[in-house]
């Protein structure tokens, strides 16, 4: 019987706040009941008491790449921030047709399918925006700070409620009427204000890191000689058979667009010259078999952030990892997606992920000619991204094969420029890491306030804040 868990509950208790009359063991997990009991003792308000709750557009989304209106989906909110790296844009027509779902500053957005319970607060930086039906919109009108609500929802006390009240067979869903009945423990204004300040400061640090990253990116493009909107977009290109199919084996018109020729020519004409990836980088493509009984961090495409950072990872034992988990990475390695729809998913492996495992959907690279920071920016830059896309092939799953990838040429960036880029990216990473630390602190402080009291939590987080600001 070791490892088995049993809970004995009176029928009258089973029926409380259980309108579906659920009797499955998952609903009555011991930890769920313990957390619920703690919140009940503290006193609470249901979300419906102080906020309006709705979901996004129910019809199919009309995407428009020429629109500036962000489409927020279940994969957009993360741990108190939004990741818009994989988002699309909704058409103005559909946006105007759906004022109910138009997002406003300070709306709390929660994912209701997939990774249920991820949460973030809307700010002006992501507006205008609308959303699909896979998120819930919590519009706070009194009593609580939106930032406190979002942070609480990410704690074990909030997340357990989201997961516990999710239902479904094929795919779990957290329905709107369930969000309305989530319990938020009573909290003082001072504590809520502190949590709000910490989260907002984390966002400010993240904004600073984004600006520095853009500065490094602009420096690289200027060095190579690329300017925005200067590529040839003519859709006619005349090639001889010897310079097309006989040389490349490709007959698709997309491959021979003039913009690709222009990019390749500029790279080859760079003042310090250029070389193929195979000559610049060492490719790690040998399989690594995760050990049974050993715990690993596993990195997938969905774990890569917009600035070449790793947002999170799956932590599990080797025997539980999927068959595609076959590349072990080291600190300083660059990982580059080989899948056409995710080519921007490139990242530097930092010390936190040394010896982690990544999917075989990545190419794992290191180089002695170009530092990791510059190499990352090259792979994420628009011109190189276009060349990566040009070389993708396949029918069912379009991807970049090893031979074509290694034959792509990259410029050998000037050493001084590389050093400048490295400094900017390192500073970017420090700001980003401090932002992440603050968001974790805010979550830990909310849990501490619930368990040990708000005064203890306030004193603790103020001390921790001092340590971070010194860095």
Protein backbone atom coordinates (compact mmCIF):
# COMPACT_ATOMS: atom_id res chain seq x y z
CA UNK A 1 0.00 0.00 0.00
CA UNK A 2 3.05 2.28 0.02
CA UNK A 3 2.52 5.35 -2.13
CA UNK A 4 -1.25 5.12 -2.07
CA UNK A 5 -3.23 8.09 -0.82
CA UNK A 6 -6.66 7.89 0.77
CA UNK A 7 -8.94 10.65 2.00
CA UNK A 8 -12.08 10.06 4.04
CA UNK A 9 -14.74 12.76 3.55
CA UNK A 10 -18.33 13.09 4.72
CA UNK A 11 -20.95 13.22 1.98
CA UNK A 12 -21.96 16.69 3.16
CA UNK A 13 -18.38 17.86 2.56
CA UNK A 14 -18.25 16.21 -0.86
CA UNK A 15 -21.25 18.26 -2.00
CA UNK A 16 -19.78 21.60 -0.96
CA UNK A 17 -18.76 23.79 -3.93
CA UNK A 18 -19.12 20.76 -6.19
CA UNK A 19 -22.05 21.46 -8.49
CA UNK A 20 -20.97 18.74 -10.95
CA UNK A 21 -21.04 16.22 -8.05
CA UNK A 22 -17.51 15.06 -8.84
CA UNK A 23 -16.39 12.01 -6.89
CA UNK A 24 -13.11 11.31 -8.72
CA UNK A 25 -9.98 10.99 -6.59
CA UNK A 26 -8.20 13.78 -8.49
CA UNK A 27 -10.74 16.32 -7.22
CA UNK A 28 -10.13 15.26 -3.62
CA UNK A 29 -6.33 15.09 -3.59
CA UNK A 30 -5.00 15.63 -0.09
CA UNK A 31 -2.96 18.71 -1.02
CA UNK A 32 -5.99 20.37 -2.66
CA UNK A 33 -8.03 19.88 0.49
CA UNK A 34 -5.18 21.15 2.67
CA UNK A 35 -4.73 24.33 0.62
CA UNK A 36 -8.47 24.92 0.54
CA UNK A 37 -8.68 24.54 4.31
CA UNK A 38 -5.89 27.11 4.82
CA UNK A 39 -7.65 29.68 2.61
CA UNK A 40 -10.98 29.04 4.34
CA UNK A 41 -9.41 29.81 7.72
CA UNK A 42 -7.87 33.06 6.43
CA UNK A 43 -11.09 34.31 4.91
CA UNK A 44 -11.54 34.93 1.21
CA UNK A 45 -13.52 36.45 -1.63
CA UNK A 46 -14.57 34.66 -4.79
CA UNK A 47 -13.20 36.30 -7.95
CA UNK A 48 -16.79 36.93 -8.98
CA UNK A 49 -17.21 39.19 -5.92
CA UNK A 50 -14.78 41.83 -7.16
CA UNK A 51 -14.25 41.25 -10.88
CA UNK A 52 -16.03 40.55 -14.13
CA UNK A 53 -14.88 37.39 -15.86
CA UNK A 54 -15.27 36.46 -19.51
CA UNK A 55 -13.38 34.60 -22.23
CA UNK A 56 -12.16 35.43 -25.74
CA UNK A 57 -13.60 35.23 -29.23
CA UNK A 58 -15.49 31.99 -29.88
CA UNK A 59 -15.33 32.05 -33.67
CA UNK A 60 -12.33 31.12 -35.81
CA UNK A 61 -9.66 33.81 -35.69
CA UNK A 62 -9.12 35.94 -38.79
CA UNK A 63 -5.36 36.37 -38.77
CA UNK A 64 -3.77 39.33 -40.55
CA UNK A 65 0.01 39.76 -40.62
CA UNK A 66 -0.43 43.40 -41.62
CA UNK A 67 -2.42 44.19 -38.48
CA UNK A 68 -0.90 45.64 -35.30
CA UNK A 69 -3.47 44.05 -32.98
CA UNK A 70 -1.93 41.27 -30.89
CA UNK A 71 -3.89 38.03 -30.64
CA UNK A 72 -3.48 36.67 -27.11
CA UNK A 73 -3.92 32.90 -26.81
CA UNK A 74 -3.36 30.27 -24.12
CA UNK A 75 0.38 30.16 -24.85
CA UNK A 76 0.80 33.94 -24.38
CA UNK A 77 0.59 34.33 -20.57
CA UNK A 78 3.48 32.75 -18.67
CA UNK A 79 4.70 33.36 -15.12
CA UNK A 80 3.41 36.94 -14.69
CA UNK A 81 4.67 38.03 -18.12
CA UNK A 82 3.46 37.70 -21.69
CA UNK A 83 5.47 35.85 -24.31
CA UNK A 84 4.41 37.13 -27.73
CA UNK A 85 7.10 35.28 -29.70
CA UNK A 86 4.62 32.87 -31.27
CA UNK A 87 1.57 35.08 -31.37
CA UNK A 88 -0.27 36.23 -34.48
CA UNK A 89 -2.23 39.37 -35.27
CA UNK A 90 -5.99 39.59 -35.53
CA UNK A 91 -7.63 41.54 -38.34
CA UNK A 92 -8.99 45.01 -37.60
CA UNK A 93 -12.38 43.90 -38.88
CA UNK A 94 -12.70 41.04 -36.39
CA UNK A 95 -11.22 43.15 -33.58
CA UNK A 96 -13.83 45.88 -34.08
CA UNK A 97 -16.55 43.26 -34.32
CA UNK A 98 -15.65 41.89 -30.86
CA UNK A 99 -15.48 44.77 -28.32
CA UNK A 100 -16.34 42.36 -25.46
CA UNK A 101 -13.01 40.59 -25.83
CA UNK A 102 -10.85 43.65 -26.52
CA UNK A 103 -8.17 43.69 -23.82
CA UNK A 104 -7.67 46.67 -21.53
CA UNK A 105 -4.82 47.88 -19.35
CA UNK A 106 -4.68 45.90 -16.06
CA UNK A 107 -6.79 42.96 -17.30
CA UNK A 108 -5.64 39.68 -15.75
CA UNK A 109 -5.31 36.95 -18.41
CA UNK A 110 -5.31 33.27 -17.47
CA UNK A 111 -4.74 30.29 -19.77
CA UNK A 112 -7.70 27.89 -19.69
CA UNK A 113 -6.40 25.07 -21.92
CA UNK A 114 -2.98 23.46 -22.41
CA UNK A 115 -0.82 24.65 -19.52
CA UNK A 116 -3.77 25.71 -17.39
CA UNK A 117 -3.28 28.50 -14.88
CA UNK A 118 -0.52 30.58 -16.47
CA UNK A 119 -1.31 34.19 -15.70
CA UNK A 120 -0.20 37.76 -16.51
CA UNK A 121 -1.48 41.34 -16.30
CA UNK A 122 -2.06 43.33 -19.49
CA UNK A 123 -0.06 46.55 -19.81
CA UNK A 124 -0.06 49.23 -22.49
CA UNK A 125 2.98 47.69 -24.20
CA UNK A 126 0.95 44.80 -25.64
CA UNK A 127 -2.10 46.88 -26.61
CA UNK A 128 -4.07 46.97 -28.84
CA UNK A 129 -4.93 43.32 -28.33
CA UNK A 130 -7.76 40.84 -28.47
CA UNK A 131 -7.91 37.18 -27.48
CA UNK A 132 -9.27 33.78 -28.41
CA UNK A 133 -11.56 31.53 -26.38
CA UNK A 134 -8.67 29.67 -24.73
CA UNK A 135 -8.02 32.38 -22.15
CA UNK A 136 -10.05 33.91 -19.36
CA UNK A 137 -10.22 37.68 -18.85
CA UNK A 138 -10.45 38.83 -15.22
CA UNK A 139 -11.30 42.53 -15.04
CA UNK A 140 -10.82 43.64 -11.44
CA UNK A 141 -13.12 46.47 -10.34
CA UNK A 142 -12.45 46.75 -6.58
CA UNK A 143 -10.84 45.29 -3.46
CA UNK A 144 -7.78 43.63 -5.06
CA UNK A 145 -4.75 44.67 -7.15
CA UNK A 146 -4.63 42.90 -10.55
CA UNK A 147 -0.94 42.19 -9.94
CA UNK A 148 -1.73 40.55 -6.61
CA UNK A 149 -4.44 38.43 -8.29
CA UNK A 150 -2.09 37.33 -11.07
CA UNK A 151 0.68 36.50 -8.59
CA UNK A 152 -1.67 34.59 -6.28
CA UNK A 153 -3.01 32.56 -9.22
CA UNK A 154 0.55 31.36 -9.87
CA UNK A 155 1.14 30.20 -6.28
CA UNK A 156 0.38 26.65 -5.21
CA UNK A 157 -2.81 27.96 -3.60
CA UNK A 158 -4.07 29.53 -6.82
CA UNK A 159 -2.74 27.00 -9.31
CA UNK A 160 -4.20 24.08 -7.33
CA UNK A 161 -7.65 25.64 -7.65
CA UNK A 162 -7.26 26.17 -11.42
CA UNK A 163 -6.15 22.59 -11.98
CA UNK A 164 -8.62 21.05 -9.52
CA UNK A 165 -11.59 22.71 -11.19
CA UNK A 166 -10.52 21.92 -14.76
CA UNK A 167 -12.67 19.31 -16.48
CA UNK A 168 -12.73 17.40 -19.76
CA UNK A 169 -11.85 14.08 -21.32
CA UNK A 170 -9.59 14.63 -24.34
CA UNK A 171 -8.44 18.09 -23.26
CA UNK A 172 -8.85 19.73 -19.88
CA UNK A 173 -10.59 23.11 -19.77
CA UNK A 174 -10.96 25.68 -17.02
CA UNK A 175 -14.38 27.14 -17.71
CA UNK A 176 -15.37 30.72 -16.97
CA UNK A 177 -17.89 29.85 -14.27
CA UNK A 178 -15.11 27.98 -12.46
CA UNK A 179 -12.75 30.97 -12.60
CA UNK A 180 -15.50 33.09 -11.03
CA UNK A 181 -15.55 30.74 -8.03
CA UNK A 182 -11.81 30.67 -7.36
CA UNK A 183 -11.07 31.82 -3.80
CA UNK A 184 -8.73 34.77 -3.26
CA UNK A 185 -7.56 35.08 0.37
CA UNK A 186 -8.13 38.41 2.08
CA UNK A 187 -5.06 40.62 1.98
CA UNK A 188 -4.13 44.09 3.27
CA UNK A 189 -3.63 47.03 0.93
CA UNK A 190 0.00 47.54 1.96
CA UNK A 191 0.97 43.98 1.11
CA UNK A 192 -0.84 44.12 -2.21
CA UNK A 193 0.91 47.40 -3.07
CA UNK A 194 4.30 45.83 -2.35
CA UNK A 195 3.54 42.84 -4.59
CA UNK A 196 2.35 45.20 -7.32
CA UNK A 197 5.54 47.29 -7.12
CA UNK A 198 7.75 44.19 -7.28
CA UNK A 199 5.95 42.82 -10.36
CA UNK A 200 5.96 46.19 -12.14
CA UNK A 201 9.68 46.61 -11.39
CA UNK A 202 10.29 43.14 -12.85
CA UNK A 203 8.50 44.26 -16.02
CA UNK A 204 10.63 47.42 -16.16
CA UNK A 205 13.83 45.37 -15.98
CA UNK A 206 12.53 43.13 -18.74
CA UNK A 207 11.77 46.19 -20.90
CA UNK A 208 15.32 47.45 -20.33
CA UNK A 209 16.73 44.08 -21.36
CA UNK A 210 14.63 44.14 -24.54
CA UNK A 211 16.00 47.59 -25.45
CA UNK A 212 19.59 46.45 -24.92
CA UNK A 213 18.96 43.35 -27.02
CA UNK A 214 17.59 45.56 -29.82
CA UNK A 215 20.69 47.76 -29.53
CA UNK A 216 22.93 44.71 -30.01
CA UNK A 217 20.79 43.51 -32.89
CA UNK A 218 21.00 46.90 -34.65
CA UNK A 219 24.77 46.95 -34.14
CA UNK A 220 25.11 43.56 -35.84
CA UNK A 221 22.89 44.43 -38.81
CA UNK A 222 24.67 47.75 -39.29
CA UNK A 223 28.03 45.96 -39.27
CA UNK A 224 26.92 43.56 -41.97
CA UNK A 225 25.31 46.40 -43.94
CA UNK A 226 21.65 45.47 -43.74
CA UNK A 227 18.90 48.04 -43.46
CA UNK A 228 15.22 47.53 -42.81
CA UNK A 229 12.93 47.14 -45.84
CA UNK A 230 15.79 47.19 -48.34
CA UNK A 231 15.43 43.61 -49.60
CA UNK A 232 14.18 43.02 -53.13
CA UNK A 233 10.58 41.79 -52.97
CA UNK A 234 10.12 41.20 -56.70
CA UNK A 235 8.58 37.79 -57.27
CA UNK A 236 10.28 37.13 -60.61
CA UNK A 237 13.72 35.56 -60.89
CA UNK A 238 15.27 34.19 -64.09
CA UNK A 239 17.79 31.38 -63.66
CA UNK A 240 19.53 29.04 -66.04
CA UNK A 241 19.11 25.30 -65.50
CA UNK A 242 22.80 24.99 -64.61
CA UNK A 243 22.54 27.65 -61.89
CA UNK A 244 19.24 26.35 -60.52
CA UNK A 245 18.04 22.75 -60.53
CA UNK A 246 21.35 21.23 -61.64
CA UNK A 247 23.14 23.02 -58.81
CA UNK A 248 20.57 22.82 -56.02
CA UNK A 249 18.08 20.08 -56.90
CA UNK A 250 15.28 22.57 -56.12
CA UNK A 251 12.46 23.48 -58.52
CA UNK A 252 10.20 25.50 -56.20
CA UNK A 253 9.93 29.18 -57.15
CA UNK A 254 10.17 30.35 -53.51
CA UNK A 255 13.77 29.14 -53.30
CA UNK A 256 14.93 31.46 -56.12
CA UNK A 257 13.52 34.79 -54.93
CA UNK A 258 15.89 37.70 -55.53
CA UNK A 259 15.98 38.71 -51.86
CA UNK A 260 17.87 35.52 -51.04
CA UNK A 261 20.53 36.29 -53.65
CA UNK A 262 20.96 39.77 -52.19
CA UNK A 263 21.42 38.46 -48.66
CA UNK A 264 23.93 35.80 -49.70
CA UNK A 265 25.89 38.36 -51.76
CA UNK A 266 26.13 40.79 -48.83
CA UNK A 267 27.27 38.06 -46.47
CA UNK A 268 29.95 36.89 -48.91
CA UNK A 269 31.12 40.47 -49.47
CA UNK A 270 31.45 41.27 -45.77
CA UNK A 271 34.81 42.95 -45.08
CA UNK A 272 36.12 40.06 -42.93
CA UNK A 273 34.80 37.41 -45.29
CA UNK A 274 32.39 34.57 -44.63
CA UNK A 275 32.48 30.82 -44.09
CA UNK A 276 30.03 27.96 -44.06
CA UNK A 277 28.49 26.99 -40.73
CA UNK A 278 30.38 23.69 -41.00
CA UNK A 279 33.68 25.66 -40.98
CA UNK A 280 32.66 28.11 -38.25
CA UNK A 281 30.88 25.82 -35.82
CA UNK A 282 31.18 22.42 -34.25
CA UNK A 283 27.86 20.57 -34.53
CA UNK A 284 26.94 18.22 -31.71
CA UNK A 285 24.65 15.65 -33.35
CA UNK A 286 25.49 12.46 -31.51
CA UNK A 287 22.63 10.92 -29.55
CA UNK A 288 22.68 10.93 -25.76
CA UNK A 289 20.54 8.37 -23.97
CA UNK A 290 19.16 9.82 -20.71
CA UNK A 291 19.92 7.62 -17.74
CA UNK A 292 17.12 5.87 -15.92
CA UNK A 293 16.62 7.18 -12.40
CA UNK A 294 18.50 10.42 -13.11
CA UNK A 295 16.60 13.72 -13.19
CA UNK A 296 17.12 16.08 -16.16
CA UNK A 297 15.98 19.45 -17.38
CA UNK A 298 14.43 18.93 -20.81
CA UNK A 299 14.24 21.85 -23.28
CA UNK A 300 11.66 21.93 -26.09
CA UNK A 301 10.82 24.51 -28.75
CA UNK A 302 8.06 25.93 -26.57
CA UNK A 303 10.61 26.73 -23.83
CA UNK A 304 12.49 29.32 -25.90
CA UNK A 305 11.83 33.04 -25.29
CA UNK A 306 11.94 35.95 -27.70
CA UNK A 307 15.39 37.18 -26.60
CA UNK A 308 17.22 33.90 -27.05
CA UNK A 309 16.60 32.86 -23.47
CA UNK A 310 15.22 29.63 -22.06
CA UNK A 311 11.98 30.44 -20.23
CA UNK A 312 11.54 27.13 -18.48
CA UNK A 313 11.94 23.40 -18.96
CA UNK A 314 10.40 20.07 -18.10
CA UNK A 315 12.09 18.37 -15.15
CA UNK A 316 11.74 14.60 -15.15
CA UNK A 317 13.63 11.33 -14.87
CA UNK A 318 15.46 9.99 -17.90
CA UNK A 319 13.10 7.06 -18.42
CA UNK A 320 10.12 9.42 -18.65
CA UNK A 321 11.55 11.75 -21.29
CA UNK A 322 10.29 11.44 -24.90
CA UNK A 323 12.32 9.66 -27.57
CA UNK A 324 13.28 13.02 -29.14
CA UNK A 325 15.16 14.01 -25.94
CA UNK A 326 18.56 12.95 -27.26
CA UNK A 327 20.89 16.00 -27.23
CA UNK A 328 22.84 16.91 -24.12
CA UNK A 329 23.85 20.57 -24.05
CA UNK A 330 26.64 22.45 -22.29
CA UNK A 331 26.90 26.01 -21.03
CA UNK A 332 27.74 28.35 -23.93
CA UNK A 333 26.21 26.12 -26.62
CA UNK A 334 23.79 27.66 -29.11
CA UNK A 335 20.65 25.73 -30.00
CA UNK A 336 18.89 26.50 -33.29
CA UNK A 337 15.51 25.11 -34.29
CA UNK A 338 15.43 23.03 -37.48
CA UNK A 339 11.62 23.27 -37.89
CA UNK A 340 10.43 25.89 -40.39
CA UNK A 341 7.62 27.27 -38.24
CA UNK A 342 9.96 27.72 -35.27
CA UNK A 343 13.23 28.91 -36.81
CA UNK A 344 13.35 31.88 -34.42
CA UNK A 345 13.58 29.48 -31.49
CA UNK A 346 17.30 29.92 -30.88
CA UNK A 347 18.96 30.28 -27.49
CA UNK A 348 22.21 30.32 -25.56
CA UNK A 349 22.57 27.60 -22.95
CA UNK A 350 23.41 29.30 -19.67
CA UNK A 351 24.85 27.72 -16.53
CA UNK A 352 21.38 26.85 -15.21
CA UNK A 353 20.94 24.44 -18.12
CA UNK A 354 24.43 22.96 -18.29
CA UNK A 355 24.05 19.20 -18.99
CA UNK A 356 20.35 19.61 -19.74
CA UNK A 357 18.71 17.62 -22.56
CA UNK A 358 17.16 19.23 -25.60
CA UNK A 359 14.99 17.94 -28.41
CA UNK A 360 16.50 16.59 -31.63
CA UNK A 361 14.49 19.39 -33.26
CA UNK A 362 17.46 21.64 -32.39
CA UNK A 363 20.92 21.89 -33.90
CA UNK A 364 23.46 22.22 -31.05
CA UNK A 365 26.47 24.39 -31.94
CA UNK A 366 29.64 25.88 -30.50
CA UNK A 367 32.26 28.05 -32.20
CA UNK A 368 35.78 29.35 -31.65
CA UNK A 369 35.53 31.98 -34.41
CA UNK A 370 32.32 33.71 -33.27
CA UNK A 371 31.30 34.11 -29.65
CA UNK A 372 28.02 32.62 -28.50
CA UNK A 373 26.25 35.97 -28.12
CA UNK A 374 27.07 37.11 -31.65
CA UNK A 375 26.26 33.70 -33.08
CA UNK A 376 22.85 33.83 -31.40
CA UNK A 377 22.09 37.25 -32.89
CA UNK A 378 23.20 36.09 -36.33
CA UNK A 379 20.83 33.13 -36.29
CA UNK A 380 17.97 35.28 -35.01
CA UNK A 381 18.60 38.18 -37.43
CA UNK A 382 16.12 38.71 -40.26
CA UNK A 383 18.59 38.08 -43.13
CA UNK A 384 19.88 34.79 -41.70
CA UNK A 385 16.35 33.76 -40.73
CA UNK A 386 15.33 34.20 -44.36
CA UNK A 387 18.23 32.05 -45.55
CA UNK A 388 17.33 29.36 -43.02
CA UNK A 389 13.76 29.45 -44.30
CA UNK A 390 14.93 29.31 -47.92
CA UNK A 391 16.78 26.07 -47.23
CA UNK A 392 13.88 24.31 -45.53
CA UNK A 393 12.38 21.41 -47.43
CA UNK A 394 9.88 18.63 -46.98
CA UNK A 395 6.18 18.01 -47.35
CA UNK A 396 4.43 16.98 -44.13
CA UNK A 397 6.91 18.65 -41.74
CA UNK A 398 9.05 21.26 -43.46
CA UNK A 399 12.47 21.48 -41.86
CA UNK A 400 16.12 22.30 -42.39
CA UNK A 401 18.22 19.23 -43.08
CA UNK A 402 21.74 18.88 -41.73
CA UNK A 403 23.64 19.18 -45.04
CA UNK A 404 21.80 22.31 -46.19
CA UNK A 405 22.16 23.86 -42.72
CA UNK A 406 25.92 23.32 -42.55
CA UNK A 407 26.38 24.77 -46.05
CA UNK A 408 24.81 28.13 -45.14
CA UNK A 409 27.40 30.92 -45.01
CA UNK A 410 27.77 33.35 -42.12
CA UNK A 411 29.92 36.50 -41.94
CA UNK A 412 32.99 36.37 -39.69
CA UNK A 413 32.05 39.37 -37.56
CA UNK A 414 34.81 41.81 -36.54
CA UNK A 415 36.29 40.94 -33.13
CA UNK A 416 35.62 44.34 -31.54
CA UNK A 417 32.00 44.25 -32.67
CA UNK A 418 31.70 40.73 -31.24
CA UNK A 419 32.98 41.97 -27.87
CA UNK A 420 30.54 44.88 -27.85
CA UNK A 421 27.67 42.57 -28.70
CA UNK A 422 28.74 40.16 -25.97
CA UNK A 423 28.73 42.94 -23.34
CA UNK A 424 25.25 44.08 -24.37
CA UNK A 425 23.83 40.55 -24.35
CA UNK A 426 25.42 39.77 -20.97
CA UNK A 427 23.82 42.91 -19.53
CA UNK A 428 20.56 41.89 -21.17
CA UNK A 429 20.78 38.52 -19.45
CA UNK A 430 21.49 40.07 -16.04
CA UNK A 431 18.44 42.32 -16.32
CA UNK A 432 16.32 39.41 -17.49
CA UNK A 433 17.52 37.15 -14.67
CA UNK A 434 16.81 39.83 -12.07
CA UNK A 435 13.36 40.29 -13.55
CA UNK A 436 12.72 36.56 -13.21
CA UNK A 437 14.02 36.60 -9.62
CA UNK A 438 11.62 39.39 -8.70
CA UNK A 439 8.64 37.54 -10.13
CA UNK A 440 9.61 34.42 -8.18
CA UNK A 441 10.05 36.51 -5.01
CA UNK A 442 6.58 38.01 -5.44
CA UNK A 443 5.06 34.54 -5.71
CA UNK A 444 7.01 33.23 -2.71
CA UNK A 445 6.01 36.28 -0.66
CA UNK A 446 2.30 35.67 -1.34
CA UNK A 447 2.68 32.06 -0.21
CA UNK A 448 4.59 33.22 2.88
CA UNK A 449 1.88 35.76 3.70
CA UNK A 450 -0.72 32.99 3.58
CA UNK A 451 1.33 30.64 5.75
CA UNK A 452 3.20 32.95 8.14
CA UNK A 453 1.44 36.30 7.99
CA UNK A 454 1.83 39.45 5.91
CA UNK A 455 4.24 41.22 8.27
CA UNK A 456 6.72 38.34 8.01
CA UNK A 457 6.32 38.28 4.22
CA UNK A 458 6.82 42.06 3.90
CA UNK A 459 10.01 41.98 5.95
CA UNK A 460 11.33 39.00 3.97
CA UNK A 461 10.66 40.43 0.51
CA UNK A 462 12.13 43.84 1.41
CA UNK A 463 15.38 42.14 2.45
CA UNK A 464 15.46 40.06 -0.71
CA UNK A 465 14.83 43.15 -2.84
CA UNK A 466 17.95 44.78 -1.38
CA UNK A 467 20.08 41.82 -2.49
CA UNK A 468 18.78 42.00 -6.06
CA UNK A 469 19.19 45.79 -6.40
CA UNK A 470 22.86 45.45 -5.35
CA UNK A 471 23.60 43.24 -8.37
